[in-house]
Amino acid sequence: MLEAGAWGLIGASSLLIGAVIGLKLPIPPTATGLILGFGAGTLISAVAFELTDEAFKLGGADTVALGLALGALTYFAGDELLARRGAERRMSPRGEVESDTPTALVFGAVLDGIPESAVIGLSLLGGGGVSVAVLAAVFLSNLPESISSSTGMRRAGATTGHVLLVWLTVVLISGIAALAGYGLLDGASGDWIGLIQAFAGGAVLTMLADTMMPEAFKESGRPAGLATVLGFALAYLLSTLE
């Protein structure tokens, strides 16, 4: 169980790395968009080959359909509440958020990070080691998220200390999410495990469509599609090595 939490912390540690990069290096918005597209591609691959497929094997088509729907609706509801508080474009590297929404930004980062980290814990349920493809997908996708968001928060007036504290908080919560993803379902039936896997997949896919991929396209245009395919291909190749 503790192993799942440790892997969750490792996967989320790239959030702090990305935050430092975003704060210290003058990365052009176009480059940030391409990095976001690449990260989106890695997560799409993880959802397709590590979550949905495994959920289907464990619970069947009805379990997958129900889990995807519940995960998507849950994330959508949370994202809608955050958007009303000014954090709709929390991944924008241009600081296009309201200056009085630091709490919304924190909750937005947590909302985006929990499904990804829970996936790491879920990948350990089969009794083997952590899924390299899932861990790599989460690690790689976290980099562009925090680079973009940290750059935007800094331009919106947040201090370096505040930005780093936000991401440290998210890293710790992500570790807890990974631990919970494993601990709460250890010994559960295949239907339940499949349902939660599909739930996490639905939440991640909705996050990609609602926040990550729109920002990638806004910042870098159509080349974001090429970066997305590159990220997808890399994560898929990693999945074949397991």
C-alpha atoms as a PDB file:
ATOM      1  CA  MET A   1       0.000   0.000   0.000  1.00  0.00           C
ATOM      2  CA  LEU A   2       2.789   2.404   0.905  1.00  0.00           C
ATOM      3  CA  GLU A   3       4.483   1.452  -2.348  1.00  0.00           C
ATOM      4  CA  ALA A   4       1.523   2.884  -4.257  1.00  0.00           C
ATOM      5  CA  GLY A   5       1.821   6.168  -2.389  1.00  0.00           C
ATOM      6  CA  ALA A   6       5.547   6.313  -3.077  1.00  0.00           C
ATOM      7  CA  TRP A   7       5.029   5.757  -6.799  1.00  0.00           C
ATOM      8  CA  GLY A   8       2.320   8.413  -6.744  1.00  0.00           C
ATOM      9  CA  LEU A   9       4.772  10.884  -5.242  1.00  0.00           C
ATOM     10  CA  ILE A  10       7.360   9.999  -7.880  1.00  0.00           C
ATOM     11  CA  GLY A  11       4.849  10.489 -10.687  1.00  0.00           C
ATOM     12  CA  ALA A  12       3.711  13.813  -9.242  1.00  0.00           C
ATOM     13  CA  SER A  13       7.226  15.041  -8.484  1.00  0.00           C
ATOM     14  CA  SER A  14       7.449  16.341 -12.041  1.00  0.00           C
ATOM     15  CA  LEU A  15       4.919  18.987 -11.009  1.00  0.00           C
ATOM     16  CA  LEU A  16       7.593  20.638  -8.870  1.00  0.00           C
ATOM     17  CA  ILE A  17      10.193  20.190 -11.602  1.00  0.00           C
ATOM     18  CA  GLY A  18       7.871  21.807 -14.116  1.00  0.00           C
ATOM     19  CA  ALA A  19       7.059  24.632 -11.707  1.00  0.00           C
ATOM     20  CA  VAL A  20      10.743  25.485 -11.296  1.00  0.00           C
ATOM     21  CA  ILE A  21      11.225  25.372 -15.073  1.00  0.00           C
ATOM     22  CA  GLY A  22       8.205  27.598 -15.630  1.00  0.00           C
ATOM     23  CA  LEU A  23       9.393  30.119 -13.047  1.00  0.00           C
ATOM     24  CA  LYS A  24      13.054  30.221 -14.035  1.00  0.00           C
ATOM     25  CA  LEU A  25      13.145  29.762 -17.823  1.00  0.00           C
ATOM     26  CA  PRO A  26      11.546  32.101 -20.376  1.00  0.00           C
ATOM     27  CA  ILE A  27       9.648  29.435 -22.320  1.00  0.00           C
ATOM     28  CA  PRO A  28       7.648  30.921 -25.245  1.00  0.00           C
ATOM     29  CA  PRO A  29       3.889  30.222 -25.152  1.00  0.00           C
ATOM     30  CA  THR A  30       4.164  28.380 -28.491  1.00  0.00           C
ATOM     31  CA  ALA A  31       6.668  25.939 -27.012  1.00  0.00           C
ATOM     32  CA  THR A  32       4.478  25.524 -23.953  1.00  0.00           C
ATOM     33  CA  GLY A  33       1.554  24.638 -26.210  1.00  0.00           C
ATOM     34  CA  LEU A  34       3.590  21.934 -27.925  1.00  0.00           C
ATOM     35  CA  ILE A  35       4.651  20.534 -24.550  1.00  0.00           C
ATOM     36  CA  LEU A  36       1.009  20.482 -23.436  1.00  0.00           C
ATOM     37  CA  GLY A  37       0.052  18.615 -26.604  1.00  0.00           C
ATOM     38  CA  PHE A  38       2.800  16.061 -26.010  1.00  0.00           C
ATOM     39  CA  GLY A  39       1.636  15.505 -22.426  1.00  0.00           C
ATOM     40  CA  ALA A  40      -1.953  15.080 -23.579  1.00  0.00           C
ATOM     41  CA  GLY A  41      -0.845  12.385 -26.000  1.00  0.00           C
ATOM     42  CA  THR A  42       0.869  10.386 -23.265  1.00  0.00           C
ATOM     43  CA  LEU A  43      -2.284  10.427 -21.137  1.00  0.00           C
ATOM     44  CA  ILE A  44      -4.549   9.445 -24.032  1.00  0.00           C
ATOM     45  CA  SER A  45      -2.364   6.397 -24.550  1.00  0.00           C
ATOM     46  CA  ALA A  46      -2.465   5.496 -20.856  1.00  0.00           C
ATOM     47  CA  VAL A  47      -6.256   5.787 -20.780  1.00  0.00           C
ATOM     48  CA  ALA A  48      -6.671   3.671 -23.911  1.00  0.00           C
ATOM     49  CA  PHE A  49      -4.168   0.893 -23.265  1.00  0.00           C
ATOM     50  CA  GLU A  50      -3.820   0.788 -19.487  1.00  0.00           C
ATOM     51  CA  LEU A  51      -7.215   1.826 -18.117  1.00  0.00           C
ATOM     52  CA  THR A  52     -10.091   1.262 -20.504  1.00  0.00           C
ATOM     53  CA  ASP A  53      -8.748  -1.983 -21.912  1.00  0.00           C
ATOM     54  CA  GLU A  54      -8.029  -3.387 -18.469  1.00  0.00           C
ATOM     55  CA  ALA A  55     -11.418  -2.231 -17.165  1.00  0.00           C
ATOM     56  CA  PHE A  56     -13.115  -4.058 -20.044  1.00  0.00           C
ATOM     57  CA  LYS A  57     -11.242  -7.275 -19.235  1.00  0.00           C
ATOM     58  CA  LEU A  58     -12.282  -7.054 -15.590  1.00  0.00           C
ATOM     59  CA  GLY A  59     -15.857  -5.834 -15.832  1.00  0.00           C
ATOM     60  CA  GLY A  60     -17.070  -5.835 -19.403  1.00  0.00           C
ATOM     61  CA  ALA A  61     -18.576  -3.164 -21.617  1.00  0.00           C
ATOM     62  CA  ASP A  62     -21.275  -2.065 -19.152  1.00  0.00           C
ATOM     63  CA  THR A  63     -18.686  -1.423 -16.438  1.00  0.00           C
ATOM     64  CA  VAL A  64     -16.548   0.604 -18.824  1.00  0.00           C
ATOM     65  CA  ALA A  65     -19.479   2.668 -20.047  1.00  0.00           C
ATOM     66  CA  LEU A  66     -20.736   3.415 -16.529  1.00  0.00           C
ATOM     67  CA  GLY A  67     -17.278   4.235 -15.183  1.00  0.00           C
ATOM     68  CA  LEU A  68     -16.375   6.540 -18.062  1.00  0.00           C
ATOM     69  CA  ALA A  69     -19.669   8.392 -17.709  1.00  0.00           C
ATOM     70  CA  LEU A  70     -19.376   8.833 -13.937  1.00  0.00           C
ATOM     71  CA  GLY A  71     -15.755   9.957 -14.160  1.00  0.00           C
ATOM     72  CA  ALA A  72     -16.499  12.438 -16.930  1.00  0.00           C
ATOM     73  CA  LEU A  73     -19.519  13.915 -15.138  1.00  0.00           C
ATOM     74  CA  THR A  74     -17.636  14.221 -11.828  1.00  0.00           C
ATOM     75  CA  TYR A  75     -14.705  16.047 -13.400  1.00  0.00           C
ATOM     76  CA  PHE A  76     -17.028  18.221 -15.488  1.00  0.00           C
ATOM     77  CA  ALA A  77     -18.965  19.314 -12.409  1.00  0.00           C
ATOM     78  CA  GLY A  78     -15.775  20.208 -10.524  1.00  0.00           C
ATOM     79  CA  ASP A  79     -14.309  22.006 -13.519  1.00  0.00           C
ATOM     80  CA  GLU A  80     -17.509  24.005 -13.984  1.00  0.00           C
ATOM     81  CA  LEU A  81     -17.390  25.217 -10.383  1.00  0.00           C
ATOM     82  CA  LEU A  82     -13.755  26.258 -10.771  1.00  0.00           C
ATOM     83  CA  ALA A  83     -14.448  28.041 -14.047  1.00  0.00           C
ATOM     84  CA  ARG A  84     -17.046  30.196 -12.286  1.00  0.00           C
ATOM     85  CA  ARG A  85     -14.353  31.215  -9.793  1.00  0.00           C
ATOM     86  CA  GLY A  86     -11.977  32.369 -12.513  1.00  0.00           C
ATOM     87  CA  ALA A  87      -9.770  29.283 -12.950  1.00  0.00           C
ATOM     88  CA  GLU A  88     -11.101  28.180 -16.332  1.00  0.00           C
ATOM     89  CA  ARG A  89      -7.747  28.834 -18.041  1.00  0.00           C
ATOM     90  CA  ARG A  90      -5.545  27.615 -15.205  1.00  0.00           C
ATOM     91  CA  MET A  91      -3.157  25.946 -17.675  1.00  0.00           C
ATOM     92  CA  SER A  92      -2.651  29.101 -19.709  1.00  0.00           C
ATOM     93  CA  PRO A  93       0.994  30.275 -19.742  1.00  0.00           C
ATOM     94  CA  ARG A  94      -0.206  33.857 -20.305  1.00  0.00           C
ATOM     95  CA  GLY A  95      -1.607  34.389 -16.816  1.00  0.00           C
ATOM     96  CA  GLU A  96      -5.181  34.580 -18.081  1.00  0.00           C
ATOM     97  CA  VAL A  97      -6.800  34.032 -14.710  1.00  0.00           C
ATOM     98  CA  GLU A  98      -8.343  36.490 -12.306  1.00  0.00           C
ATOM     99  CA  SER A  99      -5.840  37.768  -9.762  1.00  0.00           C
ATOM    100  CA  ASP A 100      -8.140  36.961  -6.835  1.00  0.00           C
ATOM    101  CA  THR A 101      -8.502  33.246  -7.524  1.00  0.00           C
ATOM    102  CA  PRO A 102      -5.507  31.570  -5.820  1.00  0.00           C
ATOM    103  CA  THR A 103      -7.753  29.097  -3.989  1.00  0.00           C
ATOM    104  CA  ALA A 104      -9.470  28.146  -7.233  1.00  0.00           C
ATOM    105  CA  LEU A 105      -6.086  27.583  -8.851  1.00  0.00           C
ATOM    106  CA  VAL A 106      -5.061  25.234  -6.037  1.00  0.00           C
ATOM    107  CA  PHE A 107      -8.279  23.246  -6.297  1.00  0.00           C
ATOM    108  CA  GLY A 108      -7.924  23.210 -10.082  1.00  0.00           C
ATOM    109  CA  ALA A 109      -4.452  21.705  -9.833  1.00  0.00           C
ATOM    110  CA  VAL A 110      -5.730  19.106  -7.374  1.00  0.00           C
ATOM    111  CA  LEU A 111      -8.729  18.299  -9.575  1.00  0.00           C
ATOM    112  CA  ASP A 112      -6.439  17.748 -12.558  1.00  0.00           C
ATOM    113  CA  GLY A 113      -3.890  15.718 -10.609  1.00  0.00           C
ATOM    114  CA  ILE A 114      -5.987  13.304  -8.535  1.00  0.00           C
ATOM    115  CA  PRO A 115      -7.327  11.114 -11.390  1.00  0.00           C
ATOM    116  CA  GLU A 116      -3.857  10.772 -12.906  1.00  0.00           C
ATOM    117  CA  SER A 117      -2.268   9.746  -9.605  1.00  0.00           C
ATOM    118  CA  ALA A 118      -5.077   7.359  -8.691  1.00  0.00           C
ATOM    119  CA  VAL A 119      -4.308   5.574 -11.953  1.00  0.00           C
ATOM    120  CA  ILE A 120      -0.804   4.793 -10.656  1.00  0.00           C
ATOM    121  CA  GLY A 121      -2.215   3.097  -7.570  1.00  0.00           C
ATOM    122  CA  LEU A 122      -4.738   1.193  -9.668  1.00  0.00           C
ATOM    123  CA  SER A 123      -1.959  -0.142 -11.894  1.00  0.00           C
ATOM    124  CA  LEU A 124      -0.541  -2.041  -8.889  1.00  0.00           C
ATOM    125  CA  LEU A 125      -3.727  -3.971  -8.153  1.00  0.00           C
ATOM    126  CA  GLY A 126      -2.841  -6.899 -10.372  1.00  0.00           C
ATOM    127  CA  GLY A 127      -0.134  -7.977  -7.963  1.00  0.00           C
ATOM    128  CA  GLY A 128       2.805  -7.001 -10.167  1.00  0.00           C
ATOM    129  CA  GLY A 129       4.911  -3.871 -10.176  1.00  0.00           C
ATOM    130  CA  VAL A 130       3.847  -0.401 -11.169  1.00  0.00           C
ATOM    131  CA  SER A 131       2.937   0.091 -14.825  1.00  0.00           C
ATOM    132  CA  VAL A 132       5.906   1.799 -16.487  1.00  0.00           C
ATOM    133  CA  ALA A 133       3.642   3.235 -19.184  1.00  0.00           C
ATOM    134  CA  VAL A 134       1.227   4.756 -16.646  1.00  0.00           C
ATOM    135  CA  LEU A 135       4.009   6.153 -14.466  1.00  0.00           C
ATOM    136  CA  ALA A 136       5.767   7.655 -17.496  1.00  0.00           C
ATOM    137  CA  ALA A 137       2.520   9.090 -18.862  1.00  0.00           C
ATOM    138  CA  VAL A 138       1.662  10.785 -15.563  1.00  0.00           C
ATOM    139  CA  PHE A 139       5.221  12.049 -15.049  1.00  0.00           C
ATOM    140  CA  LEU A 140       5.519  13.432 -18.580  1.00  0.00           C
ATOM    141  CA  SER A 141       2.042  14.987 -18.633  1.00  0.00           C
ATOM    142  CA  ASN A 142       2.595  16.703 -15.281  1.00  0.00           C
ATOM    143  CA  LEU A 143       5.582  18.634 -16.636  1.00  0.00           C
ATOM    144  CA  PRO A 144       3.686  20.695 -19.221  1.00  0.00           C
ATOM    145  CA  GLU A 145       0.753  21.207 -16.860  1.00  0.00           C
ATOM    146  CA  SER A 146       2.894  22.752 -14.140  1.00  0.00           C
ATOM    147  CA  ILE A 147       5.165  24.633 -16.575  1.00  0.00           C
ATOM    148  CA  SER A 148       2.163  26.282 -18.179  1.00  0.00           C
ATOM    149  CA  SER A 149       0.208  26.922 -14.979  1.00  0.00           C
ATOM    150  CA  SER A 150       3.251  28.206 -13.052  1.00  0.00           C
ATOM    151  CA  THR A 151       4.133  30.615 -15.838  1.00  0.00           C
ATOM    152  CA  GLY A 152       0.562  31.845 -15.879  1.00  0.00           C
ATOM    153  CA  MET A 153       0.311  32.209 -12.107  1.00  0.00           C
ATOM    154  CA  ARG A 154       3.552  34.182 -12.032  1.00  0.00           C
ATOM    155  CA  ARG A 155       2.291  36.548 -14.742  1.00  0.00           C
ATOM    156  CA  ALA A 156      -0.959  36.913 -12.804  1.00  0.00           C
ATOM    157  CA  GLY A 157       1.032  38.235  -9.822  1.00  0.00           C
ATOM    158  CA  ALA A 158       1.646  35.135  -7.663  1.00  0.00           C
ATOM    159  CA  THR A 159       4.944  34.980  -5.761  1.00  0.00           C
ATOM    160  CA  THR A 160       7.496  32.223  -6.330  1.00  0.00           C
ATOM    161  CA  GLY A 161       6.870  30.871  -2.844  1.00  0.00           C
ATOM    162  CA  HIS A 162       3.119  30.702  -3.415  1.00  0.00           C
ATOM    163  CA  VAL A 163       3.498  28.887  -6.733  1.00  0.00           C
ATOM    164  CA  LEU A 164       5.885  26.305  -5.285  1.00  0.00           C
ATOM    165  CA  LEU A 165       3.639  25.793  -2.251  1.00  0.00           C
ATOM    166  CA  VAL A 166       0.690  25.135  -4.565  1.00  0.00           C
ATOM    167  CA  TRP A 167       2.549  22.398  -6.410  1.00  0.00           C
ATOM    168  CA  LEU A 168       4.046  20.887  -3.270  1.00  0.00           C
ATOM    169  CA  THR A 169       0.512  20.584  -1.913  1.00  0.00           C
ATOM    170  CA  VAL A 170      -0.664  18.926  -5.113  1.00  0.00           C
ATOM    171  CA  VAL A 171       2.284  16.487  -5.056  1.00  0.00           C
ATOM    172  CA  LEU A 172       1.399  15.381  -1.511  1.00  0.00           C
ATOM    173  CA  ILE A 173      -2.285  15.020  -2.348  1.00  0.00           C
ATOM    174  CA  SER A 174      -1.365  13.064  -5.474  1.00  0.00           C
ATOM    175  CA  GLY A 175       0.633  10.624  -3.376  1.00  0.00           C
ATOM    176  CA  ILE A 176      -2.400  10.150  -1.132  1.00  0.00           C
ATOM    177  CA  ALA A 177      -4.600   9.638  -4.209  1.00  0.00           C
ATOM    178  CA  ALA A 178      -2.293   6.907  -5.509  1.00  0.00           C
ATOM    179  CA  LEU A 179      -2.277   5.254  -2.099  1.00  0.00           C
ATOM    180  CA  ALA A 180      -6.062   5.426  -1.911  1.00  0.00           C
ATOM    181  CA  GLY A 181      -6.451   4.081  -5.435  1.00  0.00           C
ATOM    182  CA  TYR A 182      -4.636   0.953  -4.330  1.00  0.00           C
ATOM    183  CA  GLY A 183      -5.636   0.666  -0.681  1.00  0.00           C
ATOM    184  CA  LEU A 184      -9.384   1.103  -1.086  1.00  0.00           C
ATOM    185  CA  LEU A 185      -9.633  -1.497  -3.858  1.00  0.00           C
ATOM    186  CA  ASP A 186      -7.095  -4.084  -2.749  1.00  0.00           C
ATOM    187  CA  GLY A 187      -9.041  -7.350  -2.703  1.00  0.00           C
ATOM    188  CA  ALA A 188     -12.113  -5.841  -4.375  1.00  0.00           C
ATOM    189  CA  SER A 189     -13.995  -7.653  -7.132  1.00  0.00           C
ATOM    190  CA  GLY A 190     -13.046  -7.282 -10.772  1.00  0.00           C
ATOM    191  CA  ASP A 191     -16.215  -5.298 -11.459  1.00  0.00           C
ATOM    192  CA  TRP A 192     -15.355  -2.704  -8.823  1.00  0.00           C
ATOM    193  CA  ILE A 193     -11.746  -2.380  -9.933  1.00  0.00           C
ATOM    194  CA  GLY A 194     -12.821  -2.076 -13.556  1.00  0.00           C
ATOM    195  CA  LEU A 195     -15.410   0.549 -12.632  1.00  0.00           C
ATOM    196  CA  ILE A 196     -12.866   2.727 -10.820  1.00  0.00           C
ATOM    197  CA  GLN A 197     -10.339   2.307 -13.611  1.00  0.00           C
ATOM    198  CA  ALA A 198     -12.925   3.469 -16.141  1.00  0.00           C
ATOM    199  CA  PHE A 199     -13.975   6.276 -13.763  1.00  0.00           C
ATOM    200  CA  ALA A 200     -10.383   7.544 -13.626  1.00  0.00           C
ATOM    201  CA  GLY A 201     -10.157   7.232 -17.396  1.00  0.00           C
ATOM    202  CA  GLY A 202     -13.316   9.271 -17.906  1.00  0.00           C
ATOM    203  CA  ALA A 203     -12.070  12.000 -15.575  1.00  0.00           C
ATOM    204  CA  VAL A 204      -8.666  12.167 -17.299  1.00  0.00           C
ATOM    205  CA  LEU A 205     -10.198  12.282 -20.786  1.00  0.00           C
ATOM    206  CA  THR A 206     -12.536  15.094 -19.768  1.00  0.00           C
ATOM    207  CA  MET A 207      -9.622  17.013 -18.260  1.00  0.00           C
ATOM    208  CA  LEU A 208      -7.701  16.646 -21.525  1.00  0.00           C
ATOM    209  CA  ALA A 209     -10.609  17.831 -23.648  1.00  0.00           C
ATOM    210  CA  ASP A 210     -11.688  20.664 -21.332  1.00  0.00           C
ATOM    211  CA  THR A 211      -8.378  22.172 -20.237  1.00  0.00           C
ATOM    212  CA  MET A 212      -5.161  20.695 -21.573  1.00  0.00           C
ATOM    213  CA  MET A 213      -5.750  20.247 -25.297  1.00  0.00           C
ATOM    214  CA  PRO A 214      -7.583  23.577 -25.817  1.00  0.00           C
ATOM    215  CA  GLU A 215      -4.620  25.421 -24.296  1.00  0.00           C
ATOM    216  CA  ALA A 216      -2.205  23.430 -26.451  1.00  0.00           C
ATOM    217  CA  PHE A 217      -4.062  24.462 -29.604  1.00  0.00           C
ATOM    218  CA  LYS A 218      -4.498  28.093 -28.535  1.00  0.00           C
ATOM    219  CA  GLU A 219      -0.782  28.494 -27.925  1.00  0.00           C
ATOM    220  CA  SER A 220       0.782  26.490 -30.759  1.00  0.00           C
ATOM    221  CA  GLY A 221      -1.982  25.959 -33.323  1.00  0.00           C
ATOM    222  CA  ARG A 222      -2.208  22.873 -35.503  1.00  0.00           C
ATOM    223  CA  PRO A 223       1.327  21.608 -34.706  1.00  0.00           C
ATOM    224  CA  ALA A 224      -0.108  20.717 -31.289  1.00  0.00           C
ATOM    225  CA  GLY A 225      -1.737  17.762 -33.024  1.00  0.00           C
ATOM    226  CA  LEU A 226       1.633  16.452 -34.135  1.00  0.00           C
ATOM    227  CA  ALA A 227       3.026  16.816 -30.622  1.00  0.00           C
ATOM    228  CA  THR A 228       0.012  14.916 -29.268  1.00  0.00           C
ATOM    229  CA  VAL A 229       0.636  12.004 -31.620  1.00  0.00           C
ATOM    230  CA  LEU A 230       4.315  11.969 -30.623  1.00  0.00           C
ATOM    231  CA  GLY A 231       3.386  11.751 -26.943  1.00  0.00           C
ATOM    232  CA  PHE A 232       0.832   9.022 -27.674  1.00  0.00           C
ATOM    233  CA  ALA A 233       3.383   6.993 -29.648  1.00  0.00           C
ATOM    234  CA  LEU A 234       6.041   7.242 -26.933  1.00  0.00           C
ATOM    235  CA  ALA A 235       3.649   6.134 -24.184  1.00  0.00           C
ATOM    236  CA  TYR A 236       2.384   3.291 -26.341  1.00  0.00           C
ATOM    237  CA  LEU A 237       5.915   2.057 -27.018  1.00  0.00           C
ATOM    238  CA  LEU A 238       6.578   2.090 -23.270  1.00  0.00           C
ATOM    239  CA  SER A 239       3.448  -0.022 -22.710  1.00  0.00           C
ATOM    240  CA  THR A 240       4.783  -2.674 -25.100  1.00  0.00           C
ATOM    241  CA  LEU A 241       7.916  -3.085 -22.974  1.00  0.00           C
ATOM    242  CA  GLU A 242       5.984  -4.388 -19.967  1.00  0.00           C
END
